[in-house]
Amino acid sequence: MIKRFSLFCAALTMAVMLLTSCKTREDVSGYAPTEVYANDTLLKSLTNKRAMIVLAHDDDMCAMSGTIAMLNKQGWEIAVVSFSKTPERNAAQVEACRDILDTVLFINLSPAQIRNDKEDERRSYFAFPKDSFDVVFNRKIIEEEYLECINQFNPEVIFTLDNEMGGYGHPEHVLISQMVLDLTAESRISPAYIYQSVYTNHMENSIMQRHSQRMKSWGFPGDEWEKAKKTYGVGGMPEPTVQVNITDEAETKMNYLRSYNKRERKTLGFFIPAFEDYRAKEYFTLFDREFFRVIEAKALKNGQL
């Protein structure tokens, strides 16, 4: 009898803990996509299954990681390249990518080789006019390093962030994504397609409003996103052209996100709200699709973008 009572108490305590955690965790349903786009069919049709993710920073891949995991499972050979960080952070990137792609590459440039305004690194993510990029960034040095990696791998498809807003406005995101388009248009690299990872309008607005409110509550202005849109002269990320269902990759994507170090997980949590508070299946039933703007290399070379 005593043993049964002890088991009952333990079960009751666990139930109370679960109910309490459910009450206190953030309801993320309001950030989930409400729009519907055409399901992507192009990736399945390609016979040259080589993809490369070209980024400025290791954690920029978070919003496309379900699609990458799916392609990896389908036999694609996949590499990712980004600027090198600290040895610890680079090691964390390699570990995080272990189950979703084949090769992790780093561009080994110092901050001073990348840009000329590093007096205050805390402001490096602030948007500034694109016509100043050639003054701030050492574009030629950066291009040559990325060019070597991309051509050595020779991908059929390149995944990047968008070149208009760079996700939330980070100028290095914009620089690298625009660089991919420019190199493709100039036939210096030869992907057939570029997939730019983007959010839907509802996702972008609701998630960035959340981020702004949180920043204000911590004593910061919280207006960086609005300033970035004005600086770049855009209303936000470009609209998606396709969606990819990632329901079957829920566990893999969640494991990828949680593999990062605590600092990077905190940053990811700004743009993938409260993901650490949910089980994978539960979370990615709400966020069951990833979205892309697809750009054909032929269109770029013909000046159609």
C-alpha atoms as a PDB file:
ATOM      1  CA  MET A   1       0.000   0.000   0.000  1.00  0.00           C
ATOM      2  CA  ILE A   2       2.793   2.412   0.920  1.00  0.00           C
ATOM      3  CA  LYS A   3       4.589   1.667  -2.349  1.00  0.00           C
ATOM      4  CA  ARG A   4       1.422   2.326  -4.371  1.00  0.00           C
ATOM      5  CA  PHE A   5       0.845   5.575  -2.502  1.00  0.00           C
ATOM      6  CA  SER A   6       4.441   6.685  -3.187  1.00  0.00           C
ATOM      7  CA  LEU A   7       4.035   5.941  -6.895  1.00  0.00           C
ATOM      8  CA  PHE A   8       0.753   7.853  -6.930  1.00  0.00           C
ATOM      9  CA  CYS A   9       2.404  10.875  -5.296  1.00  0.00           C
ATOM     10  CA  ALA A  10       5.295  10.785  -7.777  1.00  0.00           C
ATOM     11  CA  ALA A  11       2.864  10.634 -10.707  1.00  0.00           C
ATOM     12  CA  LEU A  12       0.803  13.482  -9.262  1.00  0.00           C
ATOM     13  CA  THR A  13       3.922  15.617  -8.780  1.00  0.00           C
ATOM     14  CA  MET A  14       4.991  14.995 -12.386  1.00  0.00           C
ATOM     15  CA  ALA A  15       1.533  15.916 -13.660  1.00  0.00           C
ATOM     16  CA  VAL A  16       1.557  19.154 -11.669  1.00  0.00           C
ATOM     17  CA  MET A  17       5.004  20.013 -13.023  1.00  0.00           C
ATOM     18  CA  LEU A  18       3.872  19.413 -16.601  1.00  0.00           C
ATOM     19  CA  LEU A  19       0.733  21.484 -16.156  1.00  0.00           C
ATOM     20  CA  THR A  20       2.702  24.300 -14.554  1.00  0.00           C
ATOM     21  CA  SER A  21       5.277  24.322 -17.359  1.00  0.00           C
ATOM     22  CA  CYS A  22       2.501  24.420 -19.952  1.00  0.00           C
ATOM     23  CA  LYS A  23       0.944  27.416 -18.226  1.00  0.00           C
ATOM     24  CA  THR A  24       4.163  29.411 -17.983  1.00  0.00           C
ATOM     25  CA  ARG A  25       5.689  28.731 -21.383  1.00  0.00           C
ATOM     26  CA  GLU A  26       5.008  31.196 -24.171  1.00  0.00           C
ATOM     27  CA  ASP A  27       2.155  30.453 -26.552  1.00  0.00           C
ATOM     28  CA  VAL A  28       3.866  30.518 -29.948  1.00  0.00           C
ATOM     29  CA  SER A  29       0.855  29.727 -32.108  1.00  0.00           C
ATOM     30  CA  GLY A  30       0.444  33.386 -33.050  1.00  0.00           C
ATOM     31  CA  TYR A  31       3.827  33.373 -34.815  1.00  0.00           C
ATOM     32  CA  ALA A  32       3.109  30.376 -37.042  1.00  0.00           C
ATOM     33  CA  PRO A  33       2.580  30.931 -40.779  1.00  0.00           C
ATOM     34  CA  THR A  34      -0.967  31.669 -41.914  1.00  0.00           C
ATOM     35  CA  GLU A  35      -0.198  31.955 -45.632  1.00  0.00           C
ATOM     36  CA  VAL A  36      -0.011  29.083 -48.109  1.00  0.00           C
ATOM     37  CA  TYR A  37       2.351  28.899 -51.092  1.00  0.00           C
ATOM     38  CA  ALA A  38       2.992  26.350 -53.819  1.00  0.00           C
ATOM     39  CA  ASN A  39       4.719  23.198 -52.629  1.00  0.00           C
ATOM     40  CA  ASP A  40       8.245  22.945 -54.006  1.00  0.00           C
ATOM     41  CA  THR A  41       8.643  20.286 -56.703  1.00  0.00           C
ATOM     42  CA  LEU A  42      11.886  21.472 -58.277  1.00  0.00           C
ATOM     43  CA  LEU A  43      14.288  19.962 -55.753  1.00  0.00           C
ATOM     44  CA  LYS A  44      12.813  16.488 -56.272  1.00  0.00           C
ATOM     45  CA  SER A  45      13.235  16.797 -60.045  1.00  0.00           C
ATOM     46  CA  LEU A  46      16.956  17.626 -60.062  1.00  0.00           C
ATOM     47  CA  THR A  47      19.390  14.833 -60.876  1.00  0.00           C
ATOM     48  CA  ASN A  48      22.568  16.638 -59.811  1.00  0.00           C
ATOM     49  CA  LYS A  49      21.959  16.445 -56.082  1.00  0.00           C
ATOM     50  CA  ARG A  50      24.597  18.838 -54.787  1.00  0.00           C
ATOM     51  CA  ALA A  51      23.635  21.777 -52.595  1.00  0.00           C
ATOM     52  CA  MET A  52      25.689  24.377 -50.772  1.00  0.00           C
ATOM     53  CA  ILE A  53      24.518  26.721 -48.029  1.00  0.00           C
ATOM     54  CA  VAL A  54      26.396  30.015 -48.359  1.00  0.00           C
ATOM     55  CA  LEU A  55      26.115  32.215 -45.280  1.00  0.00           C
ATOM     56  CA  ALA A  56      27.826  34.941 -43.304  1.00  0.00           C
ATOM     57  CA  HIS A  57      27.361  33.249 -39.903  1.00  0.00           C
ATOM     58  CA  ASP A  58      27.059  29.676 -38.713  1.00  0.00           C
ATOM     59  CA  ASP A  59      23.594  30.061 -37.148  1.00  0.00           C
ATOM     60  CA  ASP A  60      22.035  31.714 -40.237  1.00  0.00           C
ATOM     61  CA  MET A  61      20.906  28.268 -41.389  1.00  0.00           C
ATOM     62  CA  CYS A  62      18.268  27.817 -38.673  1.00  0.00           C
ATOM     63  CA  ALA A  63      15.184  28.655 -40.797  1.00  0.00           C
ATOM     64  CA  MET A  64      16.189  26.282 -43.613  1.00  0.00           C
ATOM     65  CA  SER A  65      17.587  23.400 -41.543  1.00  0.00           C
ATOM     66  CA  GLY A  66      14.501  21.199 -41.937  1.00  0.00           C
ATOM     67  CA  THR A  67      14.769  21.347 -45.721  1.00  0.00           C
ATOM     68  CA  ILE A  68      18.492  20.632 -45.562  1.00  0.00           C
ATOM     69  CA  ALA A  69      17.848  17.625 -43.311  1.00  0.00           C
ATOM     70  CA  MET A  70      15.230  16.351 -45.785  1.00  0.00           C
ATOM     71  CA  LEU A  71      17.604  16.657 -48.745  1.00  0.00           C
ATOM     72  CA  ASN A  72      20.356  14.953 -46.784  1.00  0.00           C
ATOM     73  CA  LYS A  73      18.019  12.020 -46.134  1.00  0.00           C
ATOM     74  CA  GLN A  74      17.245  11.896 -49.872  1.00  0.00           C
ATOM     75  CA  GLY A  75      20.893  11.385 -50.741  1.00  0.00           C
ATOM     76  CA  TRP A  76      21.998  14.919 -51.577  1.00  0.00           C
ATOM     77  CA  GLU A  77      25.613  15.884 -50.970  1.00  0.00           C
ATOM     78  CA  ILE A  78      25.505  19.089 -48.956  1.00  0.00           C
ATOM     79  CA  ALA A  79      28.114  21.567 -47.731  1.00  0.00           C
ATOM     80  CA  VAL A  80      27.839  24.771 -45.730  1.00  0.00           C
ATOM     81  CA  VAL A  81      30.276  27.675 -45.675  1.00  0.00           C
ATOM     82  CA  SER A  82      30.368  30.727 -43.411  1.00  0.00           C
ATOM     83  CA  PHE A  83      32.827  33.086 -41.741  1.00  0.00           C
ATOM     84  CA  SER A  84      34.995  31.396 -39.130  1.00  0.00           C
ATOM     85  CA  LYS A  85      34.371  32.342 -35.499  1.00  0.00           C
ATOM     86  CA  THR A  86      36.136  31.126 -32.341  1.00  0.00           C
ATOM     87  CA  PRO A  87      37.436  27.530 -32.239  1.00  0.00           C
ATOM     88  CA  GLU A  88      34.726  26.691 -29.691  1.00  0.00           C
ATOM     89  CA  ARG A  89      31.961  28.115 -31.837  1.00  0.00           C
ATOM     90  CA  ASN A  90      33.308  26.488 -34.994  1.00  0.00           C
ATOM     91  CA  ALA A  91      33.348  23.139 -33.202  1.00  0.00           C
ATOM     92  CA  ALA A  92      29.738  23.705 -32.124  1.00  0.00           C
ATOM     93  CA  GLN A  93      28.778  24.366 -35.757  1.00  0.00           C
ATOM     94  CA  VAL A  94      30.402  21.134 -36.890  1.00  0.00           C
ATOM     95  CA  GLU A  95      28.586  19.215 -34.151  1.00  0.00           C
ATOM     96  CA  ALA A  96      25.228  20.856 -34.901  1.00  0.00           C
ATOM     97  CA  CYS A  97      25.500  20.003 -38.612  1.00  0.00           C
ATOM     98  CA  ARG A  98      26.621  16.418 -38.102  1.00  0.00           C
ATOM     99  CA  ASP A  99      23.221  14.845 -38.792  1.00  0.00           C
ATOM    100  CA  ILE A 100      21.949  17.141 -41.554  1.00  0.00           C
ATOM    101  CA  LEU A 101      24.796  17.623 -44.040  1.00  0.00           C
ATOM    102  CA  ASP A 102      28.187  16.342 -45.124  1.00  0.00           C
ATOM    103  CA  THR A 103      30.766  19.133 -45.067  1.00  0.00           C
ATOM    104  CA  VAL A 104      31.272  22.229 -42.908  1.00  0.00           C
ATOM    105  CA  LEU A 105      33.632  24.875 -44.305  1.00  0.00           C
ATOM    106  CA  PHE A 106      34.840  28.161 -42.832  1.00  0.00           C
ATOM    107  CA  ILE A 107      36.153  31.355 -44.397  1.00  0.00           C
ATOM    108  CA  ASN A 108      39.190  32.176 -42.286  1.00  0.00           C
ATOM    109  CA  LEU A 109      39.284  35.959 -42.368  1.00  0.00           C
ATOM    110  CA  SER A 110      39.919  38.231 -39.412  1.00  0.00           C
ATOM    111  CA  PRO A 111      37.306  40.893 -38.569  1.00  0.00           C
ATOM    112  CA  ALA A 112      39.654  43.542 -39.954  1.00  0.00           C
ATOM    113  CA  GLN A 113      39.888  41.658 -43.251  1.00  0.00           C
ATOM    114  CA  ILE A 114      36.102  41.489 -43.511  1.00  0.00           C
ATOM    115  CA  ARG A 115      35.185  45.071 -42.701  1.00  0.00           C
ATOM    116  CA  ASN A 116      36.732  48.426 -41.913  1.00  0.00           C
ATOM    117  CA  ASP A 117      34.428  49.650 -39.117  1.00  0.00           C
ATOM    118  CA  LYS A 118      35.100  47.263 -36.246  1.00  0.00           C
ATOM    119  CA  GLU A 119      35.610  49.885 -33.534  1.00  0.00           C
ATOM    120  CA  ASP A 120      32.334  48.806 -31.929  1.00  0.00           C
ATOM    121  CA  GLU A 121      31.575  45.172 -32.750  1.00  0.00           C
ATOM    122  CA  ARG A 122      28.283  45.354 -30.849  1.00  0.00           C
ATOM    123  CA  ARG A 123      26.930  47.568 -33.630  1.00  0.00           C
ATOM    124  CA  SER A 124      28.110  45.341 -36.473  1.00  0.00           C
ATOM    125  CA  TYR A 125      24.580  44.032 -37.052  1.00  0.00           C
ATOM    126  CA  PHE A 126      23.123  47.532 -37.587  1.00  0.00           C
ATOM    127  CA  ALA A 127      21.919  48.201 -41.132  1.00  0.00           C
ATOM    128  CA  PHE A 128      23.589  50.878 -43.209  1.00  0.00           C
ATOM    129  CA  PRO A 129      23.010  52.007 -46.822  1.00  0.00           C
ATOM    130  CA  LYS A 130      23.989  49.480 -49.475  1.00  0.00           C
ATOM    131  CA  ASP A 131      25.876  52.134 -51.440  1.00  0.00           C
ATOM    132  CA  SER A 132      28.357  52.181 -48.531  1.00  0.00           C
ATOM    133  CA  PHE A 133      29.007  48.439 -48.613  1.00  0.00           C
ATOM    134  CA  ASP A 134      32.097  48.792 -50.797  1.00  0.00           C
ATOM    135  CA  VAL A 135      33.559  51.262 -48.298  1.00  0.00           C
ATOM    136  CA  VAL A 136      32.797  49.220 -45.185  1.00  0.00           C
ATOM    137  CA  PHE A 137      33.394  45.703 -46.512  1.00  0.00           C
ATOM    138  CA  ASN A 138      36.548  44.376 -48.153  1.00  0.00           C
ATOM    139  CA  ARG A 139      34.385  42.865 -50.840  1.00  0.00           C
ATOM    140  CA  LYS A 140      37.179  41.632 -53.132  1.00  0.00           C
ATOM    141  CA  ILE A 141      38.903  39.678 -50.366  1.00  0.00           C
ATOM    142  CA  ILE A 142      35.592  38.177 -49.224  1.00  0.00           C
ATOM    143  CA  GLU A 143      34.526  37.253 -52.759  1.00  0.00           C
ATOM    144  CA  GLU A 144      37.773  35.478 -53.548  1.00  0.00           C
ATOM    145  CA  GLU A 145      37.551  33.325 -50.422  1.00  0.00           C
ATOM    146  CA  TYR A 146      33.938  32.310 -51.024  1.00  0.00           C
ATOM    147  CA  LEU A 147      34.526  31.880 -54.736  1.00  0.00           C
ATOM    148  CA  GLU A 148      37.171  29.231 -54.123  1.00  0.00           C
ATOM    149  CA  CYS A 149      34.934  27.225 -51.774  1.00  0.00           C
ATOM    150  CA  ILE A 150      31.854  27.414 -54.005  1.00  0.00           C
ATOM    151  CA  ASN A 151      33.634  26.469 -57.220  1.00  0.00           C
ATOM    152  CA  GLN A 152      35.503  23.638 -55.562  1.00  0.00           C
ATOM    153  CA  PHE A 153      32.199  22.116 -54.409  1.00  0.00           C
ATOM    154  CA  ASN A 154      30.316  23.143 -57.592  1.00  0.00           C
ATOM    155  CA  PRO A 155      26.716  23.007 -56.299  1.00  0.00           C
ATOM    156  CA  GLU A 156      23.609  22.690 -58.453  1.00  0.00           C
ATOM    157  CA  VAL A 157      21.619  24.611 -55.834  1.00  0.00           C
ATOM    158  CA  ILE A 158      22.796  27.315 -53.435  1.00  0.00           C
ATOM    159  CA  PHE A 159      20.830  28.155 -50.303  1.00  0.00           C
ATOM    160  CA  THR A 160      21.254  31.630 -48.783  1.00  0.00           C
ATOM    161  CA  LEU A 161      19.335  34.245 -46.862  1.00  0.00           C
ATOM    162  CA  ASP A 162      17.639  36.975 -48.885  1.00  0.00           C
ATOM    163  CA  ASN A 163      19.623  39.840 -50.410  1.00  0.00           C
ATOM    164  CA  GLU A 164      17.066  42.572 -49.692  1.00  0.00           C
ATOM    165  CA  MET A 165      16.644  42.426 -45.923  1.00  0.00           C
ATOM    166  CA  GLY A 166      19.063  39.698 -44.931  1.00  0.00           C
ATOM    167  CA  GLY A 167      16.427  38.224 -42.635  1.00  0.00           C
ATOM    168  CA  TYR A 168      16.267  40.896 -39.938  1.00  0.00           C
ATOM    169  CA  GLY A 169      18.612  43.505 -41.421  1.00  0.00           C
ATOM    170  CA  HIS A 170      22.154  42.353 -40.650  1.00  0.00           C
ATOM    171  CA  PRO A 171      24.341  43.932 -43.386  1.00  0.00           C
ATOM    172  CA  GLU A 172      26.663  40.910 -43.536  1.00  0.00           C
ATOM    173  CA  HIS A 173      23.644  38.730 -44.401  1.00  0.00           C
ATOM    174  CA  VAL A 174      22.733  41.104 -47.220  1.00  0.00           C
ATOM    175  CA  LEU A 175      26.328  41.262 -48.454  1.00  0.00           C
ATOM    176  CA  ILE A 176      26.818  37.498 -48.754  1.00  0.00           C
ATOM    177  CA  SER A 177      23.390  36.846 -50.299  1.00  0.00           C
ATOM    178  CA  GLN A 178      23.887  39.631 -52.856  1.00  0.00           C
ATOM    179  CA  MET A 179      27.386  38.337 -53.558  1.00  0.00           C
ATOM    180  CA  VAL A 180      25.931  34.939 -54.537  1.00  0.00           C
ATOM    181  CA  LEU A 181      23.564  36.624 -56.990  1.00  0.00           C
ATOM    182  CA  ASP A 182      26.315  38.798 -58.455  1.00  0.00           C
ATOM    183  CA  LEU A 183      28.774  35.930 -58.885  1.00  0.00           C
ATOM    184  CA  THR A 184      26.064  33.849 -60.540  1.00  0.00           C
ATOM    185  CA  ALA A 185      25.033  36.660 -62.900  1.00  0.00           C
ATOM    186  CA  GLU A 186      28.694  37.134 -63.858  1.00  0.00           C
ATOM    187  CA  SER A 187      29.087  33.334 -64.461  1.00  0.00           C
ATOM    188  CA  ARG A 188      31.876  33.167 -61.884  1.00  0.00           C
ATOM    189  CA  ILE A 189      29.918  30.437 -60.080  1.00  0.00           C
ATOM    190  CA  SER A 190      27.459  28.094 -61.774  1.00  0.00           C
ATOM    191  CA  PRO A 191      24.482  27.021 -59.679  1.00  0.00           C
ATOM    192  CA  ALA A 192      21.280  26.399 -61.611  1.00  0.00           C
ATOM    193  CA  TYR A 193      19.077  27.707 -58.794  1.00  0.00           C
ATOM    194  CA  ILE A 194      19.333  29.851 -55.672  1.00  0.00           C
ATOM    195  CA  TYR A 195      16.958  29.239 -52.784  1.00  0.00           C
ATOM    196  CA  GLN A 196      16.673  32.254 -50.482  1.00  0.00           C
ATOM    197  CA  SER A 197      15.327  31.351 -47.050  1.00  0.00           C
ATOM    198  CA  VAL A 198      12.547  33.774 -46.058  1.00  0.00           C
ATOM    199  CA  TYR A 199       9.594  34.063 -43.688  1.00  0.00           C
ATOM    200  CA  THR A 200       6.020  34.738 -44.671  1.00  0.00           C
ATOM    201  CA  ASN A 201       4.733  38.240 -44.052  1.00  0.00           C
ATOM    202  CA  HIS A 202       2.763  37.156 -40.977  1.00  0.00           C
ATOM    203  CA  MET A 203       5.708  35.282 -39.495  1.00  0.00           C
ATOM    204  CA  GLU A 204       8.108  38.145 -40.095  1.00  0.00           C
ATOM    205  CA  ASN A 205       5.878  40.842 -38.643  1.00  0.00           C
ATOM    206  CA  SER A 206       4.718  38.903 -35.586  1.00  0.00           C
ATOM    207  CA  ILE A 207       8.158  37.517 -34.701  1.00  0.00           C
ATOM    208  CA  MET A 208       9.952  40.836 -35.190  1.00  0.00           C
ATOM    209  CA  GLN A 209       7.315  42.685 -33.154  1.00  0.00           C
ATOM    210  CA  ARG A 210       7.933  40.163 -30.361  1.00  0.00           C
ATOM    211  CA  HIS A 211      11.670  40.756 -30.665  1.00  0.00           C
ATOM    212  CA  SER A 212      11.193  44.522 -30.547  1.00  0.00           C
ATOM    213  CA  GLN A 213       9.039  44.324 -27.423  1.00  0.00           C
ATOM    214  CA  ARG A 214      11.557  42.084 -25.683  1.00  0.00           C
ATOM    215  CA  MET A 215      14.437  44.426 -26.535  1.00  0.00           C
ATOM    216  CA  LYS A 216      12.478  47.410 -25.174  1.00  0.00           C
ATOM    217  CA  SER A 217      11.713  45.521 -21.966  1.00  0.00           C
ATOM    218  CA  TRP A 218      15.465  45.013 -21.523  1.00  0.00           C
ATOM    219  CA  GLY A 219      16.154  48.745 -21.898  1.00  0.00           C
ATOM    220  CA  PHE A 220      17.180  48.800 -25.584  1.00  0.00           C
ATOM    221  CA  PRO A 221      15.517  50.950 -28.297  1.00  0.00           C
ATOM    222  CA  GLY A 222      14.051  47.898 -30.036  1.00  0.00           C
ATOM    223  CA  ASP A 223      13.709  49.743 -33.340  1.00  0.00           C
ATOM    224  CA  GLU A 224      16.554  48.148 -35.323  1.00  0.00           C
ATOM    225  CA  TRP A 225      14.225  46.164 -37.606  1.00  0.00           C
ATOM    226  CA  GLU A 226      12.140  49.219 -38.531  1.00  0.00           C
ATOM    227  CA  LYS A 227      15.303  51.237 -39.133  1.00  0.00           C
ATOM    228  CA  ALA A 228      16.737  48.453 -41.285  1.00  0.00           C
ATOM    229  CA  LYS A 229      13.668  48.422 -43.530  1.00  0.00           C
ATOM    230  CA  LYS A 230      13.950  52.170 -44.036  1.00  0.00           C
ATOM    231  CA  THR A 231      17.703  51.976 -44.610  1.00  0.00           C
ATOM    232  CA  TYR A 232      17.348  49.303 -47.309  1.00  0.00           C
ATOM    233  CA  GLY A 233      14.160  50.815 -48.754  1.00  0.00           C
ATOM    234  CA  VAL A 234      12.124  47.621 -48.428  1.00  0.00           C
ATOM    235  CA  GLY A 235       9.025  46.486 -46.540  1.00  0.00           C
ATOM    236  CA  GLY A 236      10.747  43.374 -45.214  1.00  0.00           C
ATOM    237  CA  MET A 237      11.907  40.073 -46.638  1.00  0.00           C
ATOM    238  CA  PRO A 238      10.871  39.247 -50.209  1.00  0.00           C
ATOM    239  CA  GLU A 239       7.748  37.116 -50.570  1.00  0.00           C
ATOM    240  CA  PRO A 240       8.249  33.346 -50.771  1.00  0.00           C
ATOM    241  CA  THR A 241       7.573  31.519 -54.022  1.00  0.00           C
ATOM    242  CA  VAL A 242       7.493  27.988 -52.569  1.00  0.00           C
ATOM    243  CA  GLN A 243       7.064  26.125 -49.303  1.00  0.00           C
ATOM    244  CA  VAL A 244       8.627  22.864 -48.124  1.00  0.00           C
ATOM    245  CA  ASN A 245       6.840  20.666 -45.592  1.00  0.00           C
ATOM    246  CA  ILE A 246       9.290  19.603 -42.854  1.00  0.00           C
ATOM    247  CA  THR A 247       6.957  17.656 -40.555  1.00  0.00           C
ATOM    248  CA  ASP A 248       8.997  14.477 -41.007  1.00  0.00           C
ATOM    249  CA  GLU A 249      12.169  16.355 -40.024  1.00  0.00           C
ATOM    250  CA  ALA A 250      10.805  17.667 -36.710  1.00  0.00           C
ATOM    251  CA  GLU A 251      13.136  15.695 -34.439  1.00  0.00           C
ATOM    252  CA  THR A 252      16.177  16.288 -36.634  1.00  0.00           C
ATOM    253  CA  LYS A 253      15.562  20.028 -36.862  1.00  0.00           C
ATOM    254  CA  MET A 254      14.983  20.357 -33.119  1.00  0.00           C
ATOM    255  CA  ASN A 255      18.155  18.379 -32.383  1.00  0.00           C
ATOM    256  CA  TYR A 256      20.039  20.674 -34.771  1.00  0.00           C
ATOM    257  CA  LEU A 257      18.756  23.822 -33.050  1.00  0.00           C
ATOM    258  CA  ARG A 258      19.495  22.472 -29.581  1.00  0.00           C
ATOM    259  CA  SER A 259      23.020  21.386 -30.523  1.00  0.00           C
ATOM    260  CA  TYR A 260      24.293  24.953 -30.476  1.00  0.00           C
ATOM    261  CA  ASN A 261      25.983  26.558 -27.509  1.00  0.00           C
ATOM    262  CA  LYS A 262      23.815  28.447 -25.015  1.00  0.00           C
ATOM    263  CA  ARG A 263      24.661  31.870 -26.470  1.00  0.00           C
ATOM    264  CA  GLU A 264      23.743  30.863 -30.006  1.00  0.00           C
ATOM    265  CA  ARG A 265      20.556  29.136 -28.812  1.00  0.00           C
ATOM    266  CA  LYS A 266      19.504  32.391 -27.193  1.00  0.00           C
ATOM    267  CA  THR A 267      20.001  34.216 -30.499  1.00  0.00           C
ATOM    268  CA  LEU A 268      18.084  31.514 -32.386  1.00  0.00           C
ATOM    269  CA  GLY A 269      15.259  31.925 -29.869  1.00  0.00           C
ATOM    270  CA  PHE A 270      14.724  35.499 -31.035  1.00  0.00           C
ATOM    271  CA  PHE A 271      13.720  34.255 -34.492  1.00  0.00           C
ATOM    272  CA  ILE A 272      12.417  30.769 -33.674  1.00  0.00           C
ATOM    273  CA  PRO A 273      10.412  31.783 -30.602  1.00  0.00           C
ATOM    274  CA  ALA A 274      10.624  29.625 -27.459  1.00  0.00           C
ATOM    275  CA  PHE A 275      11.630  26.515 -29.398  1.00  0.00           C
ATOM    276  CA  GLU A 276      13.438  25.085 -26.372  1.00  0.00           C
ATOM    277  CA  ASP A 277      10.200  24.976 -24.364  1.00  0.00           C
ATOM    278  CA  TYR A 278       8.456  22.544 -26.711  1.00  0.00           C
ATOM    279  CA  ARG A 279       8.789  18.966 -27.864  1.00  0.00           C
ATOM    280  CA  ALA A 280       9.835  18.672 -31.511  1.00  0.00           C
ATOM    281  CA  LYS A 281       6.618  17.182 -32.866  1.00  0.00           C
ATOM    282  CA  GLU A 282       4.493  19.690 -30.970  1.00  0.00           C
ATOM    283  CA  TYR A 283       6.501  22.696 -32.135  1.00  0.00           C
ATOM    284  CA  PHE A 284       6.891  21.668 -35.772  1.00  0.00           C
ATOM    285  CA  THR A 285       3.241  20.822 -36.131  1.00  0.00           C
ATOM    286  CA  LEU A 286       2.737  24.586 -35.851  1.00  0.00           C
ATOM    287  CA  PHE A 287       5.863  25.544 -37.803  1.00  0.00           C
ATOM    288  CA  ASP A 288       5.503  22.707 -40.287  1.00  0.00           C
ATOM    289  CA  ARG A 289       6.811  24.500 -43.400  1.00  0.00           C
ATOM    290  CA  GLU A 290       9.915  26.384 -44.500  1.00  0.00           C
ATOM    291  CA  PHE A 291       9.694  29.078 -47.167  1.00  0.00           C
ATOM    292  CA  PHE A 292      11.957  30.125 -50.009  1.00  0.00           C
ATOM    293  CA  ARG A 293      12.225  32.607 -52.832  1.00  0.00           C
ATOM    294  CA  VAL A 294      13.573  30.575 -55.755  1.00  0.00           C
ATOM    295  CA  ILE A 295      15.772  32.353 -58.295  1.00  0.00           C
ATOM    296  CA  GLU A 296      16.848  30.718 -61.550  1.00  0.00           C
ATOM    297  CA  ALA A 297      20.405  31.424 -62.669  1.00  0.00           C
ATOM    298  CA  LYS A 298      19.257  31.956 -66.272  1.00  0.00           C
ATOM    299  CA  ALA A 299      16.969  34.754 -65.137  1.00  0.00           C
ATOM    300  CA  LEU A 300      19.837  36.451 -63.295  1.00  0.00           C
ATOM    301  CA  LYS A 301      22.118  36.283 -66.323  1.00  0.00           C
ATOM    302  CA  ASN A 302      19.351  37.764 -68.467  1.00  0.00           C
ATOM    303  CA  GLY A 303      18.933  40.665 -66.042  1.00  0.00           C
ATOM    304  CA  GLN A 304      15.434  39.587 -64.994  1.00  0.00           C
ATOM    305  CA  LEU A 305      15.921  40.170 -61.254  1.00  0.00           C
END
